[in-house]
């Protein structure tokens, strides 16, 4: 209702109860249809005195805009969290989830985000969760940092992307690569740096109770310092 104050006739909504039909086959058909669209059901249990009852509900929404249909899961599950915690978090995120779905529906162009590779960065398996989440709003790709001069113009593999993510590199960057990154940033590109100044292996710590940490020399210090960033070779114990 608050959104409609601003949206007026541009926003319409209705509530649908998938369990309203008395025909079991019809209910199951609708359950399967909603699950196929990405809305996950949950079993709502109620207790009234000595009597207990359960009901399948779909705490979600289907947003339609022109030829687009976007499912929105409103009840967020999390491993290890209590039902009360998950419910409270879902209520707090409700406005954001709906607004984000509307933004995705009306956005005419999907921007592209690329994860770099070639310096020991996190692989596709390690990035599976964030990739799946980002693909709800963006096109996600992988790229290397390379370029060439053609007709006196720099042709870079980074140019097509609105954002590149350098996630967990473990080997040094060359001068040409740093030049390409600097040119990409100077021409409006954005970089998300997820880098460690130290090598600290949690697997070794778990197995033996100790580990030797060495500086992770990525040779990015001069590039980052130009933008006011310095990586300290320090460890923090949490």
C-alpha atoms as a PDB file:
ATOM      1  CA  UNK A   1       0.000   0.000   0.000  1.00  0.00           C
ATOM      2  CA  UNK A   2       2.864   2.391   0.747  1.00  0.00           C
ATOM      3  CA  UNK A   3       4.462   1.635  -2.614  1.00  0.00           C
ATOM      4  CA  UNK A   4       1.168   2.327  -4.375  1.00  0.00           C
ATOM      5  CA  UNK A   5       1.086   5.819  -2.871  1.00  0.00           C
ATOM      6  CA  UNK A   6       4.091   6.582  -5.068  1.00  0.00           C
ATOM      7  CA  UNK A   7       3.360   4.229  -7.959  1.00  0.00           C
ATOM      8  CA  UNK A   8      -0.339   4.918  -8.396  1.00  0.00           C
ATOM      9  CA  UNK A   9      -1.840   2.912 -11.239  1.00  0.00           C
ATOM     10  CA  UNK A  10       1.609   1.541 -12.152  1.00  0.00           C
ATOM     11  CA  UNK A  11       1.410  -1.023  -9.350  1.00  0.00           C
ATOM     12  CA  UNK A  12      -1.281  -3.658  -8.871  1.00  0.00           C
ATOM     13  CA  UNK A  13      -1.237  -6.651  -6.570  1.00  0.00           C
ATOM     14  CA  UNK A  14      -3.407  -9.490  -5.380  1.00  0.00           C
ATOM     15  CA  UNK A  15      -3.084 -12.282  -2.825  1.00  0.00           C
ATOM     16  CA  UNK A  16      -3.530 -15.869  -3.958  1.00  0.00           C
ATOM     17  CA  UNK A  17      -3.963 -18.893  -1.686  1.00  0.00           C
ATOM     18  CA  UNK A  18      -2.541 -21.959  -3.495  1.00  0.00           C
ATOM     19  CA  UNK A  19      -4.330 -24.228  -1.015  1.00  0.00           C
ATOM     20  CA  UNK A  20      -7.778 -22.723  -1.542  1.00  0.00           C
ATOM     21  CA  UNK A  21      -8.982 -25.386  -3.986  1.00  0.00           C
ATOM     22  CA  UNK A  22     -10.779 -28.385  -2.519  1.00  0.00           C
ATOM     23  CA  UNK A  23      -9.485 -30.554  -5.381  1.00  0.00           C
ATOM     24  CA  UNK A  24      -6.256 -32.266  -4.246  1.00  0.00           C
ATOM     25  CA  UNK A  25      -5.043 -32.748  -7.835  1.00  0.00           C
ATOM     26  CA  UNK A  26      -5.589 -29.093  -8.609  1.00  0.00           C
ATOM     27  CA  UNK A  27      -3.702 -28.059  -5.462  1.00  0.00           C
ATOM     28  CA  UNK A  28      -0.772 -30.348  -6.253  1.00  0.00           C
ATOM     29  CA  UNK A  29      -0.648 -29.081  -9.821  1.00  0.00           C
ATOM     30  CA  UNK A  30      -0.449 -25.493  -8.560  1.00  0.00           C
ATOM     31  CA  UNK A  31       2.181 -26.461  -5.959  1.00  0.00           C
ATOM     32  CA  UNK A  32       4.358 -27.987  -8.672  1.00  0.00           C
ATOM     33  CA  UNK A  33       3.862 -24.975 -10.909  1.00  0.00           C
ATOM     34  CA  UNK A  34       4.939 -22.521  -8.191  1.00  0.00           C
ATOM     35  CA  UNK A  35       7.927 -24.661  -7.182  1.00  0.00           C
ATOM     36  CA  UNK A  36       8.982 -24.828 -10.827  1.00  0.00           C
ATOM     37  CA  UNK A  37       8.994 -21.024 -10.942  1.00  0.00           C
ATOM     38  CA  UNK A  38      11.357 -20.890  -7.963  1.00  0.00           C
ATOM     39  CA  UNK A  39       8.983 -20.399  -5.023  1.00  0.00           C
ATOM     40  CA  UNK A  40       9.693 -22.889  -2.255  1.00  0.00           C
ATOM     41  CA  UNK A  41       6.847 -24.043   0.021  1.00  0.00           C
ATOM     42  CA  UNK A  42       6.947 -24.375   3.776  1.00  0.00           C
ATOM     43  CA  UNK A  43       4.770 -26.350   6.163  1.00  0.00           C
ATOM     44  CA  UNK A  44       2.866 -24.063   8.552  1.00  0.00           C
ATOM     45  CA  UNK A  45       1.840 -25.859  11.736  1.00  0.00           C
ATOM     46  CA  UNK A  46      -0.820 -24.521  14.064  1.00  0.00           C
ATOM     47  CA  UNK A  47      -1.949 -25.637  17.504  1.00  0.00           C
ATOM     48  CA  UNK A  48      -5.340 -24.788  18.945  1.00  0.00           C
ATOM     49  CA  UNK A  49      -5.738 -26.409  22.339  1.00  0.00           C
ATOM     50  CA  UNK A  50      -5.114 -30.125  21.872  1.00  0.00           C
ATOM     51  CA  UNK A  51      -5.695 -29.979  18.126  1.00  0.00           C
ATOM     52  CA  UNK A  52      -2.831 -29.532  15.674  1.00  0.00           C
ATOM     53  CA  UNK A  53      -3.053 -28.781  11.997  1.00  0.00           C
ATOM     54  CA  UNK A  54      -0.586 -28.213   9.166  1.00  0.00           C
ATOM     55  CA  UNK A  55      -0.868 -26.365   5.901  1.00  0.00           C
ATOM     56  CA  UNK A  56       1.363 -25.885   2.876  1.00  0.00           C
ATOM     57  CA  UNK A  57       2.050 -22.196   2.219  1.00  0.00           C
ATOM     58  CA  UNK A  58       4.154 -20.374  -0.365  1.00  0.00           C
ATOM     59  CA  UNK A  59       5.622 -17.251   1.284  1.00  0.00           C
ATOM     60  CA  UNK A  60       6.611 -15.568  -1.946  1.00  0.00           C
ATOM     61  CA  UNK A  61       5.511 -13.395  -4.822  1.00  0.00           C
ATOM     62  CA  UNK A  62       5.463 -13.506  -8.596  1.00  0.00           C
ATOM     63  CA  UNK A  63       6.169 -10.120 -10.140  1.00  0.00           C
ATOM     64  CA  UNK A  64       5.041  -9.452 -13.697  1.00  0.00           C
ATOM     65  CA  UNK A  65       6.210  -6.602 -15.920  1.00  0.00           C
ATOM     66  CA  UNK A  66       5.522  -6.710 -19.655  1.00  0.00           C
ATOM     67  CA  UNK A  67       6.946 -10.063 -20.794  1.00  0.00           C
ATOM     68  CA  UNK A  68       8.967 -10.675 -17.620  1.00  0.00           C
ATOM     69  CA  UNK A  69       8.107 -12.840 -14.655  1.00  0.00           C
ATOM     70  CA  UNK A  70      10.297 -12.667 -11.553  1.00  0.00           C
ATOM     71  CA  UNK A  71       9.838 -14.985  -8.539  1.00  0.00           C
ATOM     72  CA  UNK A  72      10.560 -13.471  -5.132  1.00  0.00           C
ATOM     73  CA  UNK A  73      11.163 -15.829  -2.203  1.00  0.00           C
ATOM     74  CA  UNK A  74      10.116 -13.844   0.869  1.00  0.00           C
ATOM     75  CA  UNK A  75      10.889 -16.407   3.574  1.00  0.00           C
ATOM     76  CA  UNK A  76      14.670 -16.750   3.710  1.00  0.00           C
ATOM     77  CA  UNK A  77      16.017 -19.993   5.164  1.00  0.00           C
ATOM     78  CA  UNK A  78      19.447 -20.266   6.734  1.00  0.00           C
ATOM     79  CA  UNK A  79      21.172 -23.364   8.056  1.00  0.00           C
ATOM     80  CA  UNK A  80      21.459 -23.309  11.845  1.00  0.00           C
ATOM     81  CA  UNK A  81      19.110 -20.364  12.385  1.00  0.00           C
ATOM     82  CA  UNK A  82      15.999 -20.725  14.537  1.00  0.00           C
ATOM     83  CA  UNK A  83      12.563 -20.322  12.919  1.00  0.00           C
ATOM     84  CA  UNK A  84      12.060 -17.069  14.861  1.00  0.00           C
ATOM     85  CA  UNK A  85      15.357 -15.658  13.558  1.00  0.00           C
ATOM     86  CA  UNK A  86      14.586 -16.602   9.965  1.00  0.00           C
ATOM     87  CA  UNK A  87      11.113 -15.098  10.240  1.00  0.00           C
ATOM     88  CA  UNK A  88      12.377 -11.830  11.739  1.00  0.00           C
ATOM     89  CA  UNK A  89      15.095 -11.509   9.097  1.00  0.00           C
ATOM     90  CA  UNK A  90      12.579 -12.185   6.332  1.00  0.00           C
ATOM     91  CA  UNK A  91      10.220  -9.512   7.655  1.00  0.00           C
ATOM     92  CA  UNK A  92      13.058  -6.986   7.834  1.00  0.00           C
ATOM     93  CA  UNK A  93      14.103  -7.763   4.251  1.00  0.00           C
ATOM     94  CA  UNK A  94      10.568  -7.737   2.835  1.00  0.00           C
ATOM     95  CA  UNK A  95      10.617  -4.163   1.522  1.00  0.00           C
ATOM     96  CA  UNK A  96      14.060  -4.607  -0.013  1.00  0.00           C
ATOM     97  CA  UNK A  97      13.151  -7.889  -1.732  1.00  0.00           C
ATOM     98  CA  UNK A  98      10.076  -6.380  -3.381  1.00  0.00           C
ATOM     99  CA  UNK A  99      11.855  -3.162  -4.380  1.00  0.00           C
ATOM    100  CA  UNK A 100      14.810  -5.117  -5.767  1.00  0.00           C
ATOM    101  CA  UNK A 101      12.486  -7.342  -7.810  1.00  0.00           C
ATOM    102  CA  UNK A 102      10.757  -4.268  -9.254  1.00  0.00           C
ATOM    103  CA  UNK A 103      14.139  -2.751 -10.125  1.00  0.00           C
ATOM    104  CA  UNK A 104      15.207  -5.952 -11.900  1.00  0.00           C
ATOM    105  CA  UNK A 105      11.915  -6.145 -13.782  1.00  0.00           C
ATOM    106  CA  UNK A 106      11.968  -2.612 -15.170  1.00  0.00           C
ATOM    107  CA  UNK A 107      15.720  -2.377 -15.833  1.00  0.00           C
ATOM    108  CA  UNK A 108      16.122  -2.495 -19.630  1.00  0.00           C
ATOM    109  CA  UNK A 109      19.810  -3.455 -19.680  1.00  0.00           C
ATOM    110  CA  UNK A 110      21.574  -6.102 -17.599  1.00  0.00           C
ATOM    111  CA  UNK A 111      25.075  -5.004 -16.699  1.00  0.00           C
ATOM    112  CA  UNK A 112      27.877  -7.555 -16.813  1.00  0.00           C
ATOM    113  CA  UNK A 113      30.188  -8.476 -13.933  1.00  0.00           C
ATOM    114  CA  UNK A 114      33.350 -10.486 -14.588  1.00  0.00           C
ATOM    115  CA  UNK A 115      35.524 -12.484 -12.202  1.00  0.00           C
ATOM    116  CA  UNK A 116      39.173 -12.437 -13.226  1.00  0.00           C
ATOM    117  CA  UNK A 117      41.353 -15.506 -13.547  1.00  0.00           C
ATOM    118  CA  UNK A 118      45.003 -16.229 -14.213  1.00  0.00           C
ATOM    119  CA  UNK A 119      46.466 -15.403 -10.790  1.00  0.00           C
ATOM    120  CA  UNK A 120      45.112 -18.232  -8.683  1.00  0.00           C
ATOM    121  CA  UNK A 121      41.785 -16.508  -8.035  1.00  0.00           C
ATOM    122  CA  UNK A 122      38.811 -18.389  -6.608  1.00  0.00           C
ATOM    123  CA  UNK A 123      37.430 -20.894  -9.106  1.00  0.00           C
ATOM    124  CA  UNK A 124      33.850 -21.355 -10.300  1.00  0.00           C
ATOM    125  CA  UNK A 125      33.055 -23.855  -7.536  1.00  0.00           C
ATOM    126  CA  UNK A 126      34.210 -21.506  -4.784  1.00  0.00           C
ATOM    127  CA  UNK A 127      32.220 -18.666  -6.341  1.00  0.00           C
ATOM    128  CA  UNK A 128      29.083 -20.697  -7.057  1.00  0.00           C
ATOM    129  CA  UNK A 129      26.943 -19.099  -4.354  1.00  0.00           C
ATOM    130  CA  UNK A 130      27.763 -15.459  -5.126  1.00  0.00           C
ATOM    131  CA  UNK A 131      27.528 -16.155  -8.863  1.00  0.00           C
ATOM    132  CA  UNK A 132      24.033 -17.600  -8.447  1.00  0.00           C
ATOM    133  CA  UNK A 133      22.951 -14.557  -6.429  1.00  0.00           C
ATOM    134  CA  UNK A 134      24.481 -12.023  -8.813  1.00  0.00           C
ATOM    135  CA  UNK A 135      22.822 -13.664 -11.817  1.00  0.00           C
ATOM    136  CA  UNK A 136      19.462 -12.583 -10.453  1.00  0.00           C
ATOM    137  CA  UNK A 137      20.397  -9.013 -11.452  1.00  0.00           C
ATOM    138  CA  UNK A 138      23.476  -9.187 -13.685  1.00  0.00           C
ATOM    139  CA  UNK A 139      25.184 -11.190 -16.370  1.00  0.00           C
ATOM    140  CA  UNK A 140      28.215 -12.936 -14.819  1.00  0.00           C
ATOM    141  CA  UNK A 141      31.333 -13.907 -16.747  1.00  0.00           C
ATOM    142  CA  UNK A 142      35.002 -14.781 -16.285  1.00  0.00           C
ATOM    143  CA  UNK A 143      37.909 -13.004 -17.966  1.00  0.00           C
ATOM    144  CA  UNK A 144      41.662 -12.631 -18.005  1.00  0.00           C
ATOM    145  CA  UNK A 145      43.523  -9.310 -17.802  1.00  0.00           C
ATOM    146  CA  UNK A 146      44.930  -8.827 -21.289  1.00  0.00           C
ATOM    147  CA  UNK A 147      45.025  -6.239 -24.042  1.00  0.00           C
ATOM    148  CA  UNK A 148      46.619  -5.095 -27.274  1.00  0.00           C
ATOM    149  CA  UNK A 149      47.110  -1.927 -29.299  1.00  0.00           C
ATOM    150  CA  UNK A 150      45.065  -1.865 -32.499  1.00  0.00           C
ATOM    151  CA  UNK A 151      44.924   1.182 -34.767  1.00  0.00           C
ATOM    152  CA  UNK A 152      46.523   3.215 -31.986  1.00  0.00           C
ATOM    153  CA  UNK A 153      43.689   2.225 -29.668  1.00  0.00           C
ATOM    154  CA  UNK A 154      43.924   0.044 -26.593  1.00  0.00           C
ATOM    155  CA  UNK A 155      41.726  -3.058 -26.917  1.00  0.00           C
ATOM    156  CA  UNK A 156      41.290  -4.574 -23.470  1.00  0.00           C
ATOM    157  CA  UNK A 157      39.507  -7.728 -22.366  1.00  0.00           C
ATOM    158  CA  UNK A 158      38.122  -5.690 -19.444  1.00  0.00           C
ATOM    159  CA  UNK A 159      36.297  -3.098 -21.543  1.00  0.00           C
ATOM    160  CA  UNK A 160      32.923  -4.913 -21.897  1.00  0.00           C
ATOM    161  CA  UNK A 161      32.370  -5.172 -18.136  1.00  0.00           C
ATOM    162  CA  UNK A 162      30.777  -2.708 -15.738  1.00  0.00           C
ATOM    163  CA  UNK A 163      32.600  -4.312 -12.816  1.00  0.00           C
ATOM    164  CA  UNK A 164      35.412  -6.804 -12.428  1.00  0.00           C
ATOM    165  CA  UNK A 165      36.046  -8.797  -9.264  1.00  0.00           C
ATOM    166  CA  UNK A 166      39.561  -9.908  -8.340  1.00  0.00           C
ATOM    167  CA  UNK A 167      38.792 -12.630  -5.803  1.00  0.00           C
ATOM    168  CA  UNK A 168      41.638 -14.163  -3.826  1.00  0.00           C
ATOM    169  CA  UNK A 169      44.674 -13.975  -6.135  1.00  0.00           C
ATOM    170  CA  UNK A 170      47.855 -15.712  -4.948  1.00  0.00           C
ATOM    171  CA  UNK A 171      50.441 -14.717  -7.579  1.00  0.00           C
ATOM    172  CA  UNK A 172      52.001 -11.433  -8.655  1.00  0.00           C
ATOM    173  CA  UNK A 173      50.508  -9.106 -11.265  1.00  0.00           C
ATOM    174  CA  UNK A 174      52.724  -7.922 -14.106  1.00  0.00           C
ATOM    175  CA  UNK A 175      53.300  -4.299 -15.091  1.00  0.00           C
ATOM    176  CA  UNK A 176      51.189  -4.663 -18.236  1.00  0.00           C
ATOM    177  CA  UNK A 177      48.301  -6.081 -16.231  1.00  0.00           C
ATOM    178  CA  UNK A 178      48.485  -3.247 -13.705  1.00  0.00           C
ATOM    179  CA  UNK A 179      48.508  -0.754 -16.584  1.00  0.00           C
ATOM    180  CA  UNK A 180      45.368  -2.343 -18.038  1.00  0.00           C
ATOM    181  CA  UNK A 181      43.647  -2.261 -14.631  1.00  0.00           C
ATOM    182  CA  UNK A 182      44.597   1.392 -14.177  1.00  0.00           C
ATOM    183  CA  UNK A 183      43.288   2.297 -17.644  1.00  0.00           C
ATOM    184  CA  UNK A 184      40.071   0.395 -16.975  1.00  0.00           C
ATOM    185  CA  UNK A 185      39.485   2.359 -13.767  1.00  0.00           C
ATOM    186  CA  UNK A 186      40.417   5.703 -15.374  1.00  0.00           C
ATOM    187  CA  UNK A 187      37.791   5.115 -18.077  1.00  0.00           C
ATOM    188  CA  UNK A 188      35.007   4.538 -15.560  1.00  0.00           C
ATOM    189  CA  UNK A 189      35.390   0.840 -14.801  1.00  0.00           C
ATOM    190  CA  UNK A 190      34.926  -0.439 -11.284  1.00  0.00           C
ATOM    191  CA  UNK A 191      37.015  -3.052  -9.489  1.00  0.00           C
ATOM    192  CA  UNK A 192      36.162  -5.035  -6.375  1.00  0.00           C
ATOM    193  CA  UNK A 193      39.424  -6.133  -4.743  1.00  0.00           C
ATOM    194  CA  UNK A 194      39.178  -9.239  -2.552  1.00  0.00           C
ATOM    195  CA  UNK A 195      42.843  -9.738  -1.753  1.00  0.00           C
ATOM    196  CA  UNK A 196      44.839 -11.037   1.206  1.00  0.00           C
ATOM    197  CA  UNK A 197      48.127  -9.423   2.168  1.00  0.00           C
ATOM    198  CA  UNK A 198      49.084 -12.632   4.016  1.00  0.00           C
ATOM    199  CA  UNK A 199      48.760 -16.332   3.268  1.00  0.00           C
ATOM    200  CA  UNK A 200      46.948 -17.893   6.208  1.00  0.00           C
ATOM    201  CA  UNK A 201      45.581 -21.386   5.677  1.00  0.00           C
ATOM    202  CA  UNK A 202      42.672 -22.240   7.968  1.00  0.00           C
ATOM    203  CA  UNK A 203      42.865 -25.910   6.941  1.00  0.00           C
ATOM    204  CA  UNK A 204      46.372 -26.160   8.376  1.00  0.00           C
ATOM    205  CA  UNK A 205      45.257 -24.413  11.552  1.00  0.00           C
ATOM    206  CA  UNK A 206      42.410 -26.861  12.013  1.00  0.00           C
ATOM    207  CA  UNK A 207      44.610 -29.908  11.450  1.00  0.00           C
ATOM    208  CA  UNK A 208      47.697 -28.998  13.477  1.00  0.00           C
ATOM    209  CA  UNK A 209      46.693 -25.992  15.582  1.00  0.00           C
ATOM    210  CA  UNK A 210      49.365 -23.817  13.980  1.00  0.00           C
ATOM    211  CA  UNK A 211      50.564 -22.523  10.638  1.00  0.00           C
ATOM    212  CA  UNK A 212      53.308 -20.373   9.146  1.00  0.00           C
ATOM    213  CA  UNK A 213      52.013 -17.241   7.441  1.00  0.00           C
ATOM    214  CA  UNK A 214      53.972 -15.623   4.628  1.00  0.00           C
ATOM    215  CA  UNK A 215      53.402 -12.322   2.900  1.00  0.00           C
ATOM    216  CA  UNK A 216      51.283 -12.636  -0.243  1.00  0.00           C
ATOM    217  CA  UNK A 217      53.337 -10.525  -2.649  1.00  0.00           C
ATOM    218  CA  UNK A 218      50.896  -9.571  -5.388  1.00  0.00           C
ATOM    219  CA  UNK A 219      52.938  -6.513  -6.463  1.00  0.00           C
ATOM    220  CA  UNK A 220      49.798  -4.406  -6.337  1.00  0.00           C
ATOM    221  CA  UNK A 221      51.139  -1.964  -3.750  1.00  0.00           C
ATOM    222  CA  UNK A 222      52.055   0.806  -6.198  1.00  0.00           C
ATOM    223  CA  UNK A 223      48.745   0.562  -8.074  1.00  0.00           C
ATOM    224  CA  UNK A 224      46.580   0.551  -4.956  1.00  0.00           C
ATOM    225  CA  UNK A 225      48.617   3.329  -3.332  1.00  0.00           C
ATOM    226  CA  UNK A 226      47.666   5.673  -6.177  1.00  0.00           C
ATOM    227  CA  UNK A 227      44.058   5.265  -5.066  1.00  0.00           C
ATOM    228  CA  UNK A 228      44.853   5.789  -1.387  1.00  0.00           C
ATOM    229  CA  UNK A 229      44.997   2.136  -0.335  1.00  0.00           C
ATOM    230  CA  UNK A 230      47.808   0.312   1.442  1.00  0.00           C
ATOM    231  CA  UNK A 231      47.750  -3.368   2.368  1.00  0.00           C
ATOM    232  CA  UNK A 232      49.496  -4.142   5.651  1.00  0.00           C
ATOM    233  CA  UNK A 233      51.245  -7.495   6.146  1.00  0.00           C
ATOM    234  CA  UNK A 234      49.415  -8.218   9.365  1.00  0.00           C
ATOM    235  CA  UNK A 235      47.102 -10.892  10.752  1.00  0.00           C
ATOM    236  CA  UNK A 236      44.072 -10.275  12.917  1.00  0.00           C
ATOM    237  CA  UNK A 237      42.920 -12.904  15.399  1.00  0.00           C
ATOM    238  CA  UNK A 238      39.141 -12.980  15.790  1.00  0.00           C
END
